[in-house]
Protein backbone atom coordinates (compact mmCIF):
# COMPACT_ATOMS: atom_id res chain seq x y z
CA MET A 1 -60.46 68.94 -35.38
CA SER A 2 -57.32 70.81 -36.34
CA VAL A 3 -54.39 71.41 -34.04
CA ILE A 4 -52.10 74.39 -34.52
CA ARG A 5 -48.48 74.51 -33.45
CA ILE A 6 -47.54 76.97 -30.71
CA ARG A 7 -45.43 79.00 -33.16
CA ASP A 8 -48.32 79.35 -35.61
CA ALA A 9 -50.85 80.07 -32.87
CA ALA A 10 -48.63 82.94 -31.72
CA ARG A 11 -48.43 84.32 -35.26
CA PHE A 12 -52.22 84.21 -35.72
CA LEU A 13 -52.79 86.03 -32.44
CA GLY A 14 -49.96 88.55 -32.92
CA VAL A 15 -48.10 87.50 -29.77
CA SER A 16 -44.84 85.69 -28.98
CA ASP A 17 -44.42 81.93 -28.68
CA ASP A 18 -43.64 82.47 -25.00
CA THR A 19 -46.97 84.26 -24.51
CA VAL A 20 -48.85 81.29 -25.95
CA ARG A 21 -46.85 78.93 -23.72
CA ARG A 22 -47.75 81.09 -20.69
CA TRP A 23 -51.42 80.95 -21.73
CA VAL A 24 -51.13 77.15 -21.89
CA ASP A 25 -49.44 77.05 -18.47
CA GLY A 26 -52.10 79.41 -17.07
CA GLY A 27 -55.04 77.46 -18.51
CA THR A 28 -56.13 80.05 -21.14
CA LEU A 29 -55.35 77.49 -23.88
CA THR A 30 -55.09 73.72 -23.74
CA ALA A 31 -52.04 72.06 -25.30
CA ARG A 32 -51.65 68.59 -26.72
CA ALA A 33 -49.16 66.81 -28.95
CA ASP A 34 -49.59 67.06 -32.71
CA ALA A 35 -48.90 64.19 -35.13
CA ALA A 36 -45.15 64.87 -34.91
CA GLY A 37 -45.20 64.98 -31.09
CA ARG A 38 -44.79 68.77 -30.87
CA LYS A 39 -46.86 70.88 -28.50
CA ALA A 40 -49.94 72.33 -30.23
CA VAL A 41 -53.28 73.92 -29.35
CA ASP A 42 -56.79 73.06 -30.47
CA GLY A 43 -57.79 75.11 -33.52
CA LEU A 44 -61.34 75.78 -32.29
CA GLU A 45 -60.10 76.96 -28.90
CA LEU A 46 -57.62 79.23 -30.66
CA ALA A 47 -60.38 80.59 -32.94
CA GLU A 48 -62.46 81.50 -29.90
CA LEU A 49 -59.48 83.30 -28.33
CA ALA A 50 -58.88 85.11 -31.65
CA ARG A 51 -62.38 86.52 -31.48
CA ARG A 52 -61.46 88.21 -28.23
CA GLN A 53 -58.12 89.62 -29.35
CA ALA A 54 -56.09 89.72 -32.53
CA GLU A 55 -53.44 91.24 -34.76
CA LEU A 56 -53.66 90.45 -38.45
CA PRO A 57 -50.95 87.85 -39.26
CA GLU A 58 -48.85 87.80 -42.41
CA ASP A 59 -50.49 86.18 -45.46
CA PRO A 60 -49.08 82.61 -45.73
CA THR A 61 -50.00 82.14 -49.40
CA THR A 62 -47.31 82.52 -52.01
CA GLY A 63 -49.16 82.80 -55.33
CA ALA A 64 -49.61 85.99 -57.32
CA THR A 65 -53.04 87.60 -57.34
CA SER A 66 -54.69 90.84 -58.39
CA ALA A 67 -56.68 90.98 -55.15
CA ARG A 68 -55.16 93.41 -52.65
CA ASN A 69 -57.56 92.82 -49.78
CA ARG A 70 -56.43 89.57 -48.16
CA PHE A 71 -57.30 88.70 -44.58
CA VAL A 72 -55.51 85.81 -42.87
CA GLY A 73 -57.41 84.27 -40.02
CA LEU A 74 -59.18 81.40 -38.36
CA VAL A 75 -62.53 79.90 -39.27
CA THR A 76 -64.84 80.45 -36.29
CA ALA A 77 -68.11 78.98 -37.60
CA VAL A 78 -69.48 77.04 -40.57
CA THR A 79 -73.23 76.73 -41.14
CA SER A 80 -74.14 74.39 -43.99
CA ASP A 81 -77.14 72.89 -45.70
CA THR A 82 -77.04 70.52 -48.66
CA VAL A 83 -76.18 73.23 -51.21
CA MET A 84 -74.86 76.41 -49.53
CA SER A 85 -72.69 77.28 -46.53
CA GLN A 86 -71.91 80.35 -44.48
CA VAL A 87 -68.30 80.55 -43.30
CA GLU A 88 -67.34 82.99 -40.55
CA MET A 89 -63.71 83.95 -39.95
CA GLN A 90 -61.89 86.07 -37.40
CA CYS A 91 -59.08 87.90 -39.21
CA GLY A 92 -57.32 89.96 -36.60
CA PRO A 93 -59.92 92.43 -35.38
CA HIS A 94 -62.09 91.79 -38.44
CA ARG A 95 -65.00 89.36 -38.71
CA VAL A 96 -65.38 88.17 -42.30
CA VAL A 97 -68.40 86.20 -43.52
CA SER A 98 -68.52 84.38 -46.85
CA LEU A 99 -71.31 82.46 -48.57
CA MET A 100 -70.15 79.58 -50.76
CA SER A 101 -71.23 76.15 -51.89
CA THR A 102 -71.13 73.35 -49.35
CA GLU A 103 -69.06 71.43 -51.90
CA ALA A 104 -66.39 74.18 -51.73
CA VAL A 105 -66.40 74.03 -47.92
CA ARG A 106 -65.76 70.27 -48.10
CA GLU A 107 -63.05 70.60 -50.79
CA LEU A 108 -61.20 73.31 -48.81
CA GLY A 109 -61.58 71.41 -45.55
CA LEU A 110 -63.06 74.45 -43.82
CA ALA A 111 -64.08 73.85 -40.21
CA PRO A 112 -64.00 75.91 -37.02
CA GLY A 113 -60.38 76.30 -35.99
CA SER A 114 -58.88 75.87 -39.45
CA VAL A 115 -56.59 78.49 -40.98
CA ALA A 116 -57.78 80.30 -44.10
CA VAL A 117 -57.33 83.51 -46.10
CA ALA A 118 -60.32 85.67 -47.04
CA VAL A 119 -59.72 87.37 -50.39
CA VAL A 120 -61.95 90.35 -51.08
CA LYS A 121 -62.31 91.61 -54.65
CA ALA A 122 -65.16 94.01 -55.35
CA THR A 123 -68.26 92.51 -53.67
CA THR A 124 -67.02 88.91 -53.69
CA VAL A 125 -65.22 87.22 -50.80
CA LEU A 126 -63.17 84.16 -51.74
CA VAL A 127 -61.64 81.91 -49.08
CA GLU A 128 -58.32 80.11 -49.66
CA THR A 129 -56.38 77.67 -47.55
CA PRO A 130 -52.57 77.86 -47.26
């Protein structure tokens, strides 16, 4: 399960770091230490909160692309069989669903609570990780 630093959690929800800390103190989110010992929140718990409220965060990817429709968000659900997967994301107020190979889901490390970018070009939705 992924953990997301307080600073990043605030960015994904469109609120201040202090707001996320107040939510932790008030029990809305649960905090724990990340690998570096910094305070962080559970990615899945954050994804569930993002479904209830959101502002679209800034795109964290740096590469050039012709796609103009990019939605930064959190993976909220992954449904897989042996060949294909359905990946659901909450990108600010937008729910984005993508169908892709299960192999791609594994290679990208997509799981509920992970950060990803949905790239929409024509009728295709591609999902990237930062």
